[in-house]
Amino acid sequence: VSMQTVFNNKVNEQTGSWTTTMLVLFMGFVASLLASLIFEGKNTF
């Protein structure tokens, strides 16, 4: 959480708060979808 907050702040310095939020949550979606498919397979859905 602490590390993500620092990274988010650095992104926010170059973009805006809403762009940062969208980027963070989209990247989180992609990462969690891939991890879920790998570890849970068809049970993901």
ModelCIF file with pLDDT and N, C-alpha, C, O atoms, coordinates in Angstrom:
data_MODEL
#
_entry.id   MODEL 
#
_entity.id                         1 
_entity.type                       polymer 
_entity.pdbx_number_of_molecules   1 
#
_entity_poly.entity_id                      1 
_entity_poly.type                           'polypeptide(L)' 
_entity_poly.nstd_linkage                   no 
_entity_poly.nstd_monomer                   no 
_entity_poly.pdbx_seq_one_letter_code       VSMQTVFNNKVNEQTGSWTTTMLVLFMGFVASLLASLIFEGKNTF 
_entity_poly.pdbx_seq_one_letter_code_can   VSMQTVFNNKVNEQTGSWTTTMLVLFMGFVASLLASLIFEGKNTF 
_entity_poly.pdbx_strand_id                 A 
#
loop_
_entity_poly_seq.entity_id 
_entity_poly_seq.num 
_entity_poly_seq.mon_id 
_entity_poly_seq.hetero 
1 1  VAL n 
1 2  SER n 
1 3  MET n 
1 4  GLN n 
1 5  THR n 
1 6  VAL n 
1 7  PHE n 
1 8  ASN n 
1 9  ASN n 
1 10 LYS n 
1 11 VAL n 
1 12 ASN n 
1 13 GLU n 
1 14 GLN n 
1 15 THR n 
1 16 GLY n 
1 17 SER n 
1 18 TRP n 
1 19 THR n 
1 20 THR n 
1 21 THR n 
1 22 MET n 
1 23 LEU n 
1 24 VAL n 
1 25 LEU n 
1 26 PHE n 
1 27 MET n 
1 28 GLY n 
1 29 PHE n 
1 30 VAL n 
1 31 ALA n 
1 32 SER n 
1 33 LEU n 
1 34 LEU n 
1 35 ALA n 
1 36 SER n 
1 37 LEU n 
1 38 ILE n 
1 39 PHE n 
1 40 GLU n 
1 41 GLY n 
1 42 LYS n 
1 43 ASN n 
1 44 THR n 
1 45 PHE n 
#
_struct_asym.id          A 
_struct_asym.entity_id   1 
#
loop_
_ma_qa_metric.id 
_ma_qa_metric.mode 
_ma_qa_metric.name 
_ma_qa_metric.software_group_id 
_ma_qa_metric.type 
1 global pLDDT . pLDDT 
2 local  pLDDT . pLDDT 
#
_ma_qa_metric_global.metric_id      1 
_ma_qa_metric_global.metric_value   91.42 
_ma_qa_metric_global.model_id       1 
_ma_qa_metric_global.ordinal_id     1 
#
loop_
_ma_qa_metric_local.label_asym_id 
_ma_qa_metric_local.label_comp_id 
_ma_qa_metric_local.label_seq_id 
_ma_qa_metric_local.metric_id 
_ma_qa_metric_local.metric_value 
_ma_qa_metric_local.model_id 
_ma_qa_metric_local.ordinal_id 
A VAL 1  2 86.00 1 1  
A SER 2  2 83.00 1 2  
A MET 3  2 89.00 1 3  
A GLN 4  2 89.00 1 4  
A THR 5  2 85.00 1 5  
A VAL 6  2 86.00 1 6  
A PHE 7  2 90.00 1 7  
A ASN 8  2 90.00 1 8  
A ASN 9  2 88.00 1 9  
A LYS 10 2 90.00 1 10 
A VAL 11 2 92.00 1 11 
A ASN 12 2 91.00 1 12 
A GLU 13 2 90.00 1 13 
A GLN 14 2 93.00 1 14 
A THR 15 2 93.00 1 15 
A GLY 16 2 90.00 1 16 
A SER 17 2 89.00 1 17 
A TRP 18 2 92.00 1 18 
A THR 19 2 94.00 1 19 
A THR 20 2 93.00 1 20 
A THR 21 2 92.00 1 21 
A MET 22 2 94.00 1 22 
A LEU 23 2 94.00 1 23 
A VAL 24 2 92.00 1 24 
A LEU 25 2 93.00 1 25 
A PHE 26 2 95.00 1 26 
A MET 27 2 95.00 1 27 
A GLY 28 2 93.00 1 28 
A PHE 29 2 94.00 1 29 
A VAL 30 2 96.00 1 30 
A ALA 31 2 96.00 1 31 
A SER 32 2 94.00 1 32 
A LEU 33 2 95.00 1 33 
A LEU 34 2 96.00 1 34 
A ALA 35 2 96.00 1 35 
A SER 36 2 94.00 1 36 
A LEU 37 2 95.00 1 37 
A ILE 38 2 96.00 1 38 
A PHE 39 2 95.00 1 39 
A GLU 40 2 92.00 1 40 
A GLY 41 2 91.00 1 41 
A LYS 42 2 85.00 1 42 
A ASN 43 2 87.00 1 43 
A THR 44 2 87.00 1 44 
A PHE 45 2 84.00 1 45 
#
loop_
_atom_site.group_PDB 
_atom_site.id 
_atom_site.type_symbol 
_atom_site.label_atom_id 
_atom_site.label_alt_id 
_atom_site.label_comp_id 
_atom_site.label_asym_id 
_atom_site.label_entity_id 
_atom_site.label_seq_id 
_atom_site.pdbx_PDB_ins_code 
_atom_site.Cartn_x 
_atom_site.Cartn_y 
_atom_site.Cartn_z 
_atom_site.occupancy 
_atom_site.B_iso_or_equiv 
_atom_site.pdbx_formal_charge 
_atom_site.auth_seq_id 
_atom_site.auth_comp_id 
_atom_site.auth_asym_id 
_atom_site.auth_atom_id 
_atom_site.pdbx_PDB_model_num 
ATOM 1   N N  . VAL A 1 1  ? 0.841   -1.205  0.000   1.00 86.00 ? 1  VAL A N  1 
ATOM 2   C CA . VAL A 1 1  ? 0.000   0.000   0.000   1.00 86.00 ? 1  VAL A CA 1 
ATOM 3   C C  . VAL A 1 1  ? 0.873   1.252   0.000   1.00 86.00 ? 1  VAL A C  1 
ATOM 4   O O  . VAL A 1 1  ? 0.623   2.194   -0.751  1.00 86.00 ? 1  VAL A O  1 
ATOM 5   N N  . SER A 1 2  ? 1.895   1.251   0.846   1.00 83.00 ? 2  SER A N  1 
ATOM 6   C CA . SER A 1 2  ? 2.795   2.411   0.900   1.00 83.00 ? 2  SER A CA 1 
ATOM 7   C C  . SER A 1 2  ? 3.536   2.596   -0.416  1.00 83.00 ? 2  SER A C  1 
ATOM 8   O O  . SER A 1 2  ? 3.648   3.715   -0.917  1.00 83.00 ? 2  SER A O  1 
ATOM 9   N N  . MET A 1 3  ? 4.039   1.510   -0.973  1.00 89.00 ? 3  MET A N  1 
ATOM 10  C CA . MET A 1 3  ? 4.772   1.586   -2.231  1.00 89.00 ? 3  MET A CA 1 
ATOM 11  C C  . MET A 1 3  ? 3.847   2.026   -3.366  1.00 89.00 ? 3  MET A C  1 
ATOM 12  O O  . MET A 1 3  ? 4.224   2.859   -4.191  1.00 89.00 ? 3  MET A O  1 
ATOM 13  N N  . GLN A 1 4  ? 2.643   1.469   -3.405  1.00 89.00 ? 4  GLN A N  1 
ATOM 14  C CA . GLN A 1 4  ? 1.704   1.845   -4.455  1.00 89.00 ? 4  GLN A CA 1 
ATOM 15  C C  . GLN A 1 4  ? 1.349   3.332   -4.356  1.00 89.00 ? 4  GLN A C  1 
ATOM 16  O O  . GLN A 1 4  ? 1.199   4.004   -5.376  1.00 89.00 ? 4  GLN A O  1 
ATOM 17  N N  . THR A 1 5  ? 1.218   3.832   -3.157  1.00 85.00 ? 5  THR A N  1 
ATOM 18  C CA . THR A 1 5  ? 0.874   5.233   -2.966  1.00 85.00 ? 5  THR A CA 1 
ATOM 19  C C  . THR A 1 5  ? 1.969   6.137   -3.518  1.00 85.00 ? 5  THR A C  1 
ATOM 20  O O  . THR A 1 5  ? 1.678   7.158   -4.140  1.00 85.00 ? 5  THR A O  1 
ATOM 21  N N  . VAL A 1 6  ? 3.217   5.767   -3.294  1.00 86.00 ? 6  VAL A N  1 
ATOM 22  C CA . VAL A 1 6  ? 4.341   6.540   -3.842  1.00 86.00 ? 6  VAL A CA 1 
ATOM 23  C C  . VAL A 1 6  ? 4.295   6.493   -5.369  1.00 86.00 ? 6  VAL A C  1 
ATOM 24  O O  . VAL A 1 6  ? 4.431   7.526   -6.025  1.00 86.00 ? 6  VAL A O  1 
ATOM 25  N N  . PHE A 1 7  ? 4.103   5.299   -5.936  1.00 90.00 ? 7  PHE A N  1 
ATOM 26  C CA . PHE A 1 7  ? 4.040   5.177   -7.389  1.00 90.00 ? 7  PHE A CA 1 
ATOM 27  C C  . PHE A 1 7  ? 2.875   5.993   -7.947  1.00 90.00 ? 7  PHE A C  1 
ATOM 28  O O  . PHE A 1 7  ? 3.023   6.704   -8.941  1.00 90.00 ? 7  PHE A O  1 
ATOM 29  N N  . ASN A 1 8  ? 1.720   5.882   -7.300  1.00 90.00 ? 8  ASN A N  1 
ATOM 30  C CA . ASN A 1 8  ? 0.543   6.632   -7.752  1.00 90.00 ? 8  ASN A CA 1 
ATOM 31  C C  . ASN A 1 8  ? 0.810   8.120   -7.745  1.00 90.00 ? 8  ASN A C  1 
ATOM 32  O O  . ASN A 1 8  ? 0.404   8.835   -8.662  1.00 90.00 ? 8  ASN A O  1 
ATOM 33  N N  . ASN A 1 9  ? 1.493   8.592   -6.712  1.00 88.00 ? 9  ASN A N  1 
ATOM 34  C CA . ASN A 1 9  ? 1.804   10.014  -6.618  1.00 88.00 ? 9  ASN A CA 1 
ATOM 35  C C  . ASN A 1 9  ? 2.697   10.453  -7.772  1.00 88.00 ? 9  ASN A C  1 
ATOM 36  O O  . ASN A 1 9  ? 2.512   11.538  -8.325  1.00 88.00 ? 9  ASN A O  1 
ATOM 37  N N  . LYS A 1 10 ? 3.665   9.616   -8.138  1.00 90.00 ? 10 LYS A N  1 
ATOM 38  C CA . LYS A 1 10 ? 4.564   9.949   -9.253  1.00 90.00 ? 10 LYS A CA 1 
ATOM 39  C C  . LYS A 1 10 ? 3.795   10.000  -10.570 1.00 90.00 ? 10 LYS A C  1 
ATOM 40  O O  . LYS A 1 10 ? 4.056   10.866  -11.404 1.00 90.00 ? 10 LYS A O  1 
ATOM 41  N N  . VAL A 1 11 ? 2.848   9.079   -10.766 1.00 92.00 ? 11 VAL A N  1 
ATOM 42  C CA . VAL A 1 11 ? 2.011   9.119   -11.969 1.00 92.00 ? 11 VAL A CA 1 
ATOM 43  C C  . VAL A 1 11 ? 1.156   10.377  -11.945 1.00 92.00 ? 11 VAL A C  1 
ATOM 44  O O  . VAL A 1 11 ? 1.000   11.045  -12.968 1.00 92.00 ? 11 VAL A O  1 
ATOM 45  N N  . ASN A 1 12 ? 0.599   10.702  -10.779 1.00 91.00 ? 12 ASN A N  1 
ATOM 46  C CA . ASN A 1 12 ? -0.269  11.868  -10.639 1.00 91.00 ? 12 ASN A CA 1 
ATOM 47  C C  . ASN A 1 12 ? 0.470   13.171  -10.961 1.00 91.00 ? 12 ASN A C  1 
ATOM 48  O O  . ASN A 1 12 ? -0.136  14.119  -11.459 1.00 91.00 ? 12 ASN A O  1 
ATOM 49  N N  . GLU A 1 13 ? 1.759   13.219  -10.682 1.00 90.00 ? 13 GLU A N  1 
ATOM 50  C CA . GLU A 1 13 ? 2.541   14.422  -10.996 1.00 90.00 ? 13 GLU A CA 1 
ATOM 51  C C  . GLU A 1 13 ? 2.577   14.691  -12.494 1.00 90.00 ? 13 GLU A C  1 
ATOM 52  O O  . GLU A 1 13 ? 2.698   15.843  -12.911 1.00 90.00 ? 13 GLU A O  1 
ATOM 53  N N  . GLN A 1 14 ? 2.473   13.645  -13.310 1.00 93.00 ? 14 GLN A N  1 
ATOM 54  C CA . GLN A 1 14 ? 2.545   13.786  -14.762 1.00 93.00 ? 14 GLN A CA 1 
ATOM 55  C C  . GLN A 1 14 ? 1.180   13.813  -15.432 1.00 93.00 ? 14 GLN A C  1 
ATOM 56  O O  . GLN A 1 14 ? 1.048   14.275  -16.565 1.00 93.00 ? 14 GLN A O  1 
ATOM 57  N N  . THR A 1 15 ? 0.164   13.316  -14.730 1.00 93.00 ? 15 THR A N  1 
ATOM 58  C CA . THR A 1 15 ? -1.182  13.266  -15.322 1.00 93.00 ? 15 THR A CA 1 
ATOM 59  C C  . THR A 1 15 ? -2.125  14.021  -14.401 1.00 93.00 ? 15 THR A C  1 
ATOM 60  O O  . THR A 1 15 ? -1.828  15.147  -14.002 1.00 93.00 ? 15 THR A O  1 
ATOM 61  N N  . GLY A 1 16 ? -3.215  13.442  -14.072 1.00 90.00 ? 16 GLY A N  1 
ATOM 62  C CA . GLY A 1 16 ? -4.163  14.004  -13.116 1.00 90.00 ? 16 GLY A CA 1 
ATOM 63  C C  . GLY A 1 16 ? -4.654  12.899  -12.210 1.00 90.00 ? 16 GLY A C  1 
ATOM 64  O O  . GLY A 1 16 ? -4.362  11.724  -12.434 1.00 90.00 ? 16 GLY A O  1 
ATOM 65  N N  . SER A 1 17 ? -5.399  13.275  -11.188 1.00 89.00 ? 17 SER A N  1 
ATOM 66  C CA . SER A 1 17 ? -5.861  12.292  -10.207 1.00 89.00 ? 17 SER A CA 1 
ATOM 67  C C  . SER A 1 17 ? -6.789  11.247  -10.814 1.00 89.00 ? 17 SER A C  1 
ATOM 68  O O  . SER A 1 17 ? -6.698  10.067  -10.475 1.00 89.00 ? 17 SER A O  1 
ATOM 69  N N  . TRP A 1 18 ? -7.675  11.667  -11.699 1.00 92.00 ? 18 TRP A N  1 
ATOM 70  C CA . TRP A 1 18 ? -8.611  10.712  -12.277 1.00 92.00 ? 18 TRP A CA 1 
ATOM 71  C C  . TRP A 1 18 ? -7.917  9.806   -13.283 1.00 92.00 ? 18 TRP A C  1 
ATOM 72  O O  . TRP A 1 18 ? -8.248  8.624   -13.381 1.00 92.00 ? 18 TRP A O  1 
ATOM 73  N N  . THR A 1 19 ? -6.957  10.346  -14.032 1.00 94.00 ? 19 THR A N  1 
ATOM 74  C CA . THR A 1 19 ? -6.183  9.502   -14.952 1.00 94.00 ? 19 THR A CA 1 
ATOM 75  C C  . THR A 1 19 ? -5.369  8.491   -14.166 1.00 94.00 ? 19 THR A C  1 
ATOM 76  O O  . THR A 1 19 ? -5.286  7.321   -14.540 1.00 94.00 ? 19 THR A O  1 
ATOM 77  N N  . THR A 1 20 ? -4.769  8.946   -13.077 1.00 93.00 ? 20 THR A N  1 
ATOM 78  C CA . THR A 1 20 ? -3.998  8.042   -12.218 1.00 93.00 ? 20 THR A CA 1 
ATOM 79  C C  . THR A 1 20 ? -4.897  6.936   -11.677 1.00 93.00 ? 20 THR A C  1 
ATOM 80  O O  . THR A 1 20 ? -4.531  5.761   -11.718 1.00 93.00 ? 20 THR A O  1 
ATOM 81  N N  . THR A 1 21 ? -6.056  7.302   -11.178 1.00 92.00 ? 21 THR A N  1 
ATOM 82  C CA . THR A 1 21 ? -6.990  6.319   -10.631 1.00 92.00 ? 21 THR A CA 1 
ATOM 83  C C  . THR A 1 21 ? -7.388  5.300   -11.687 1.00 92.00 ? 21 THR A C  1 
ATOM 84  O O  . THR A 1 21 ? -7.407  4.099   -11.416 1.00 92.00 ? 21 THR A O  1 
ATOM 85  N N  . MET A 1 22 ? -7.706  5.769   -12.888 1.00 94.00 ? 22 MET A N  1 
ATOM 86  C CA . MET A 1 22 ? -8.100  4.877   -13.970 1.00 94.00 ? 22 MET A CA 1 
ATOM 87  C C  . MET A 1 22 ? -6.951  3.943   -14.341 1.00 94.00 ? 22 MET A C  1 
ATOM 88  O O  . MET A 1 22 ? -7.156  2.740   -14.510 1.00 94.00 ? 22 MET A O  1 
ATOM 89  N N  . LEU A 1 23 ? -5.769  4.482   -14.464 1.00 94.00 ? 23 LEU A N  1 
ATOM 90  C CA . LEU A 1 23 ? -4.603  3.673   -14.818 1.00 94.00 ? 23 LEU A CA 1 
ATOM 91  C C  . LEU A 1 23 ? -4.308  2.605   -13.767 1.00 94.00 ? 23 LEU A C  1 
ATOM 92  O O  . LEU A 1 23 ? -4.071  1.444   -14.100 1.00 94.00 ? 23 LEU A O  1 
ATOM 93  N N  . VAL A 1 24 ? -4.326  3.005   -12.504 1.00 92.00 ? 24 VAL A N  1 
ATOM 94  C CA . VAL A 1 24 ? -4.042  2.077   -11.405 1.00 92.00 ? 24 VAL A CA 1 
ATOM 95  C C  . VAL A 1 24 ? -5.058  0.945   -11.379 1.00 92.00 ? 24 VAL A C  1 
ATOM 96  O O  . VAL A 1 24 ? -4.685  -0.224  -11.273 1.00 92.00 ? 24 VAL A O  1 
ATOM 97  N N  . LEU A 1 25 ? -6.321  1.279   -11.475 1.00 93.00 ? 25 LEU A N  1 
ATOM 98  C CA . LEU A 1 25 ? -7.355  0.251   -11.396 1.00 93.00 ? 25 LEU A CA 1 
ATOM 99  C C  . LEU A 1 25 ? -7.391  -0.622  -12.648 1.00 93.00 ? 25 LEU A C  1 
ATOM 100 O O  . LEU A 1 25 ? -7.688  -1.813  -12.559 1.00 93.00 ? 25 LEU A O  1 
ATOM 101 N N  . PHE A 1 26 ? -7.093  -0.049  -13.808 1.00 95.00 ? 26 PHE A N  1 
ATOM 102 C CA . PHE A 1 26 ? -7.044  -0.853  -15.025 1.00 95.00 ? 26 PHE A CA 1 
ATOM 103 C C  . PHE A 1 26 ? -5.872  -1.838  -14.966 1.00 95.00 ? 26 PHE A C  1 
ATOM 104 O O  . PHE A 1 26 ? -6.028  -3.012  -15.305 1.00 95.00 ? 26 PHE A O  1 
ATOM 105 N N  . MET A 1 27 ? -4.714  -1.366  -14.542 1.00 95.00 ? 27 MET A N  1 
ATOM 106 C CA . MET A 1 27 ? -3.549  -2.249  -14.430 1.00 95.00 ? 27 MET A CA 1 
ATOM 107 C C  . MET A 1 27 ? -3.806  -3.325  -13.369 1.00 95.00 ? 27 MET A C  1 
ATOM 108 O O  . MET A 1 27 ? -3.395  -4.473  -13.530 1.00 95.00 ? 27 MET A O  1 
ATOM 109 N N  . GLY A 1 28 ? -4.484  -2.948  -12.293 1.00 93.00 ? 28 GLY A N  1 
ATOM 110 C CA . GLY A 1 28 ? -4.865  -3.920  -11.275 1.00 93.00 ? 28 GLY A CA 1 
ATOM 111 C C  . GLY A 1 28 ? -5.825  -4.958  -11.826 1.00 93.00 ? 28 GLY A C  1 
ATOM 112 O O  . GLY A 1 28 ? -5.724  -6.138  -11.492 1.00 93.00 ? 28 GLY A O  1 
ATOM 113 N N  . PHE A 1 29 ? -6.760  -4.524  -12.672 1.00 94.00 ? 29 PHE A N  1 
ATOM 114 C CA . PHE A 1 29 ? -7.690  -5.453  -13.302 1.00 94.00 ? 29 PHE A CA 1 
ATOM 115 C C  . PHE A 1 29 ? -6.938  -6.455  -14.169 1.00 94.00 ? 29 PHE A C  1 
ATOM 116 O O  . PHE A 1 29 ? -7.184  -7.658  -14.086 1.00 94.00 ? 29 PHE A O  1 
ATOM 117 N N  . VAL A 1 30 ? -6.024  -5.962  -15.001 1.00 96.00 ? 30 VAL A N  1 
ATOM 118 C CA . VAL A 1 30 ? -5.268  -6.844  -15.891 1.00 96.00 ? 30 VAL A CA 1 
ATOM 119 C C  . VAL A 1 30 ? -4.444  -7.842  -15.070 1.00 96.00 ? 30 VAL A C  1 
ATOM 120 O O  . VAL A 1 30 ? -4.451  -9.041  -15.351 1.00 96.00 ? 30 VAL A O  1 
ATOM 121 N N  . ALA A 1 31 ? -3.735  -7.338  -14.055 1.00 96.00 ? 31 ALA A N  1 
ATOM 122 C CA . ALA A 1 31 ? -2.890  -8.222  -13.233 1.00 96.00 ? 31 ALA A CA 1 
ATOM 123 C C  . ALA A 1 31 ? -3.727  -9.260  -12.493 1.00 96.00 ? 31 ALA A C  1 
ATOM 124 O O  . ALA A 1 31 ? -3.361  -10.435 -12.449 1.00 96.00 ? 31 ALA A O  1 
ATOM 125 N N  . SER A 1 32 ? -4.846  -8.836  -11.911 1.00 94.00 ? 32 SER A N  1 
ATOM 126 C CA . SER A 1 32 ? -5.659  -9.791  -11.158 1.00 94.00 ? 32 SER A CA 1 
ATOM 127 C C  . SER A 1 32 ? -6.376  -10.771 -12.076 1.00 94.00 ? 32 SER A C  1 
ATOM 128 O O  . SER A 1 32 ? -6.577  -11.924 -11.695 1.00 94.00 ? 32 SER A O  1 
ATOM 129 N N  . LEU A 1 33 ? -6.767  -10.346 -13.275 1.00 95.00 ? 33 LEU A N  1 
ATOM 130 C CA . LEU A 1 33 ? -7.380  -11.264 -14.233 1.00 95.00 ? 33 LEU A CA 1 
ATOM 131 C C  . LEU A 1 33 ? -6.381  -12.348 -14.631 1.00 95.00 ? 33 LEU A C  1 
ATOM 132 O O  . LEU A 1 33 ? -6.718  -13.532 -14.634 1.00 95.00 ? 33 LEU A O  1 
ATOM 133 N N  . LEU A 1 34 ? -5.160  -11.950 -14.966 1.00 96.00 ? 34 LEU A N  1 
ATOM 134 C CA . LEU A 1 34 ? -4.143  -12.929 -15.349 1.00 96.00 ? 34 LEU A CA 1 
ATOM 135 C C  . LEU A 1 34 ? -3.826  -13.885 -14.194 1.00 96.00 ? 34 LEU A C  1 
ATOM 136 O O  . LEU A 1 34 ? -3.746  -15.097 -14.392 1.00 96.00 ? 34 LEU A O  1 
ATOM 137 N N  . ALA A 1 35 ? -3.646  -13.331 -12.983 1.00 96.00 ? 35 ALA A N  1 
ATOM 138 C CA . ALA A 1 35 ? -3.344  -14.187 -11.826 1.00 96.00 ? 35 ALA A CA 1 
ATOM 139 C C  . ALA A 1 35 ? -4.504  -15.144 -11.550 1.00 96.00 ? 35 ALA A C  1 
ATOM 140 O O  . ALA A 1 35 ? -4.282  -16.315 -11.241 1.00 96.00 ? 35 ALA A O  1 
ATOM 141 N N  . SER A 1 36 ? -5.715  -14.659 -11.659 1.00 94.00 ? 36 SER A N  1 
ATOM 142 C CA . SER A 1 36 ? -6.880  -15.503 -11.416 1.00 94.00 ? 36 SER A CA 1 
ATOM 143 C C  . SER A 1 36 ? -6.969  -16.620 -12.448 1.00 94.00 ? 36 SER A C  1 
ATOM 144 O O  . SER A 1 36 ? -7.253  -17.766 -12.099 1.00 94.00 ? 36 SER A O  1 
ATOM 145 N N  . LEU A 1 37 ? -6.730  -16.298 -13.703 1.00 95.00 ? 37 LEU A N  1 
ATOM 146 C CA . LEU A 1 37 ? -6.770  -17.325 -14.742 1.00 95.00 ? 37 LEU A CA 1 
ATOM 147 C C  . LEU A 1 37 ? -5.680  -18.377 -14.531 1.00 95.00 ? 37 LEU A C  1 
ATOM 148 O O  . LEU A 1 37 ? -5.900  -19.563 -14.776 1.00 95.00 ? 37 LEU A O  1 
ATOM 149 N N  . ILE A 1 38 ? -4.517  -17.940 -14.081 1.00 96.00 ? 38 ILE A N  1 
ATOM 150 C CA . ILE A 1 38 ? -3.414  -18.875 -13.835 1.00 96.00 ? 38 ILE A CA 1 
ATOM 151 C C  . ILE A 1 38 ? -3.711  -19.766 -12.634 1.00 96.00 ? 38 ILE A C  1 
ATOM 152 O O  . ILE A 1 38 ? -3.541  -20.983 -12.705 1.00 96.00 ? 38 ILE A O  1 
ATOM 153 N N  . PHE A 1 39 ? -4.154  -19.164 -11.531 1.00 95.00 ? 39 PHE A N  1 
ATOM 154 C CA . PHE A 1 39 ? -4.302  -19.920 -10.283 1.00 95.00 ? 39 PHE A CA 1 
ATOM 155 C C  . PHE A 1 39 ? -5.676  -20.559 -10.094 1.00 95.00 ? 39 PHE A C  1 
ATOM 156 O O  . PHE A 1 39 ? -5.789  -21.589 -9.430  1.00 95.00 ? 39 PHE A O  1 
ATOM 157 N N  . GLU A 1 40 ? -6.721  -19.963 -10.669 1.00 92.00 ? 40 GLU A N  1 
ATOM 158 C CA . GLU A 1 40 ? -8.062  -20.490 -10.460 1.00 92.00 ? 40 GLU A CA 1 
ATOM 159 C C  . GLU A 1 40 ? -8.694  -21.055 -11.721 1.00 92.00 ? 40 GLU A C  1 
ATOM 160 O O  . GLU A 1 40 ? -9.712  -21.744 -11.662 1.00 92.00 ? 40 GLU A O  1 
ATOM 161 N N  . GLY A 1 41 ? -8.091  -20.761 -12.851 1.00 91.00 ? 41 GLY A N  1 
ATOM 162 C CA . GLY A 1 41 ? -8.577  -21.298 -14.121 1.00 91.00 ? 41 GLY A CA 1 
ATOM 163 C C  . GLY A 1 41 ? -10.011 -20.909 -14.406 1.00 91.00 ? 41 GLY A C  1 
ATOM 164 O O  . GLY A 1 41 ? -10.387 -19.743 -14.285 1.00 91.00 ? 41 GLY A O  1 
ATOM 165 N N  . LYS A 1 42 ? -10.819 -21.905 -14.788 1.00 85.00 ? 42 LYS A N  1 
ATOM 166 C CA . LYS A 1 42 ? -12.206 -21.626 -15.175 1.00 85.00 ? 42 LYS A CA 1 
ATOM 167 C C  . LYS A 1 42 ? -13.060 -21.158 -14.004 1.00 85.00 ? 42 LYS A C  1 
ATOM 168 O O  . LYS A 1 42 ? -14.132 -20.590 -14.215 1.00 85.00 ? 42 LYS A O  1 
ATOM 169 N N  . ASN A 1 43 ? -12.606 -21.386 -12.773 1.00 87.00 ? 43 ASN A N  1 
ATOM 170 C CA . ASN A 1 43 ? -13.371 -20.920 -11.603 1.00 87.00 ? 43 ASN A CA 1 
ATOM 171 C C  . ASN A 1 43 ? -13.342 -19.394 -11.454 1.00 87.00 ? 43 ASN A C  1 
ATOM 172 O O  . ASN A 1 43 ? -14.073 -18.828 -10.640 1.00 87.00 ? 43 ASN A O  1 
ATOM 173 N N  . THR A 1 44 ? -12.497 -18.742 -12.242 1.00 87.00 ? 44 THR A N  1 
ATOM 174 C CA . THR A 1 44 ? -12.434 -17.277 -12.220 1.00 87.00 ? 44 THR A CA 1 
ATOM 175 C C  . THR A 1 44 ? -13.805 -16.658 -12.439 1.00 87.00 ? 44 THR A C  1 
ATOM 176 O O  . THR A 1 44 ? -14.145 -15.650 -11.820 1.00 87.00 ? 44 THR A O  1 
ATOM 177 N N  . PHE A 1 45 ? -14.580 -17.257 -13.309 1.00 84.00 ? 45 PHE A N  1 
ATOM 178 C CA . PHE A 1 45 ? -15.861 -16.655 -13.688 1.00 84.00 ? 45 PHE A CA 1 
ATOM 179 C C  . PHE A 1 45 ? -17.055 -17.286 -12.983 1.00 84.00 ? 45 PHE A C  1 
ATOM 180 O O  . PHE A 1 45 ? -18.193 -16.876 -13.208 1.00 84.00 ? 45 PHE A O  1 
#
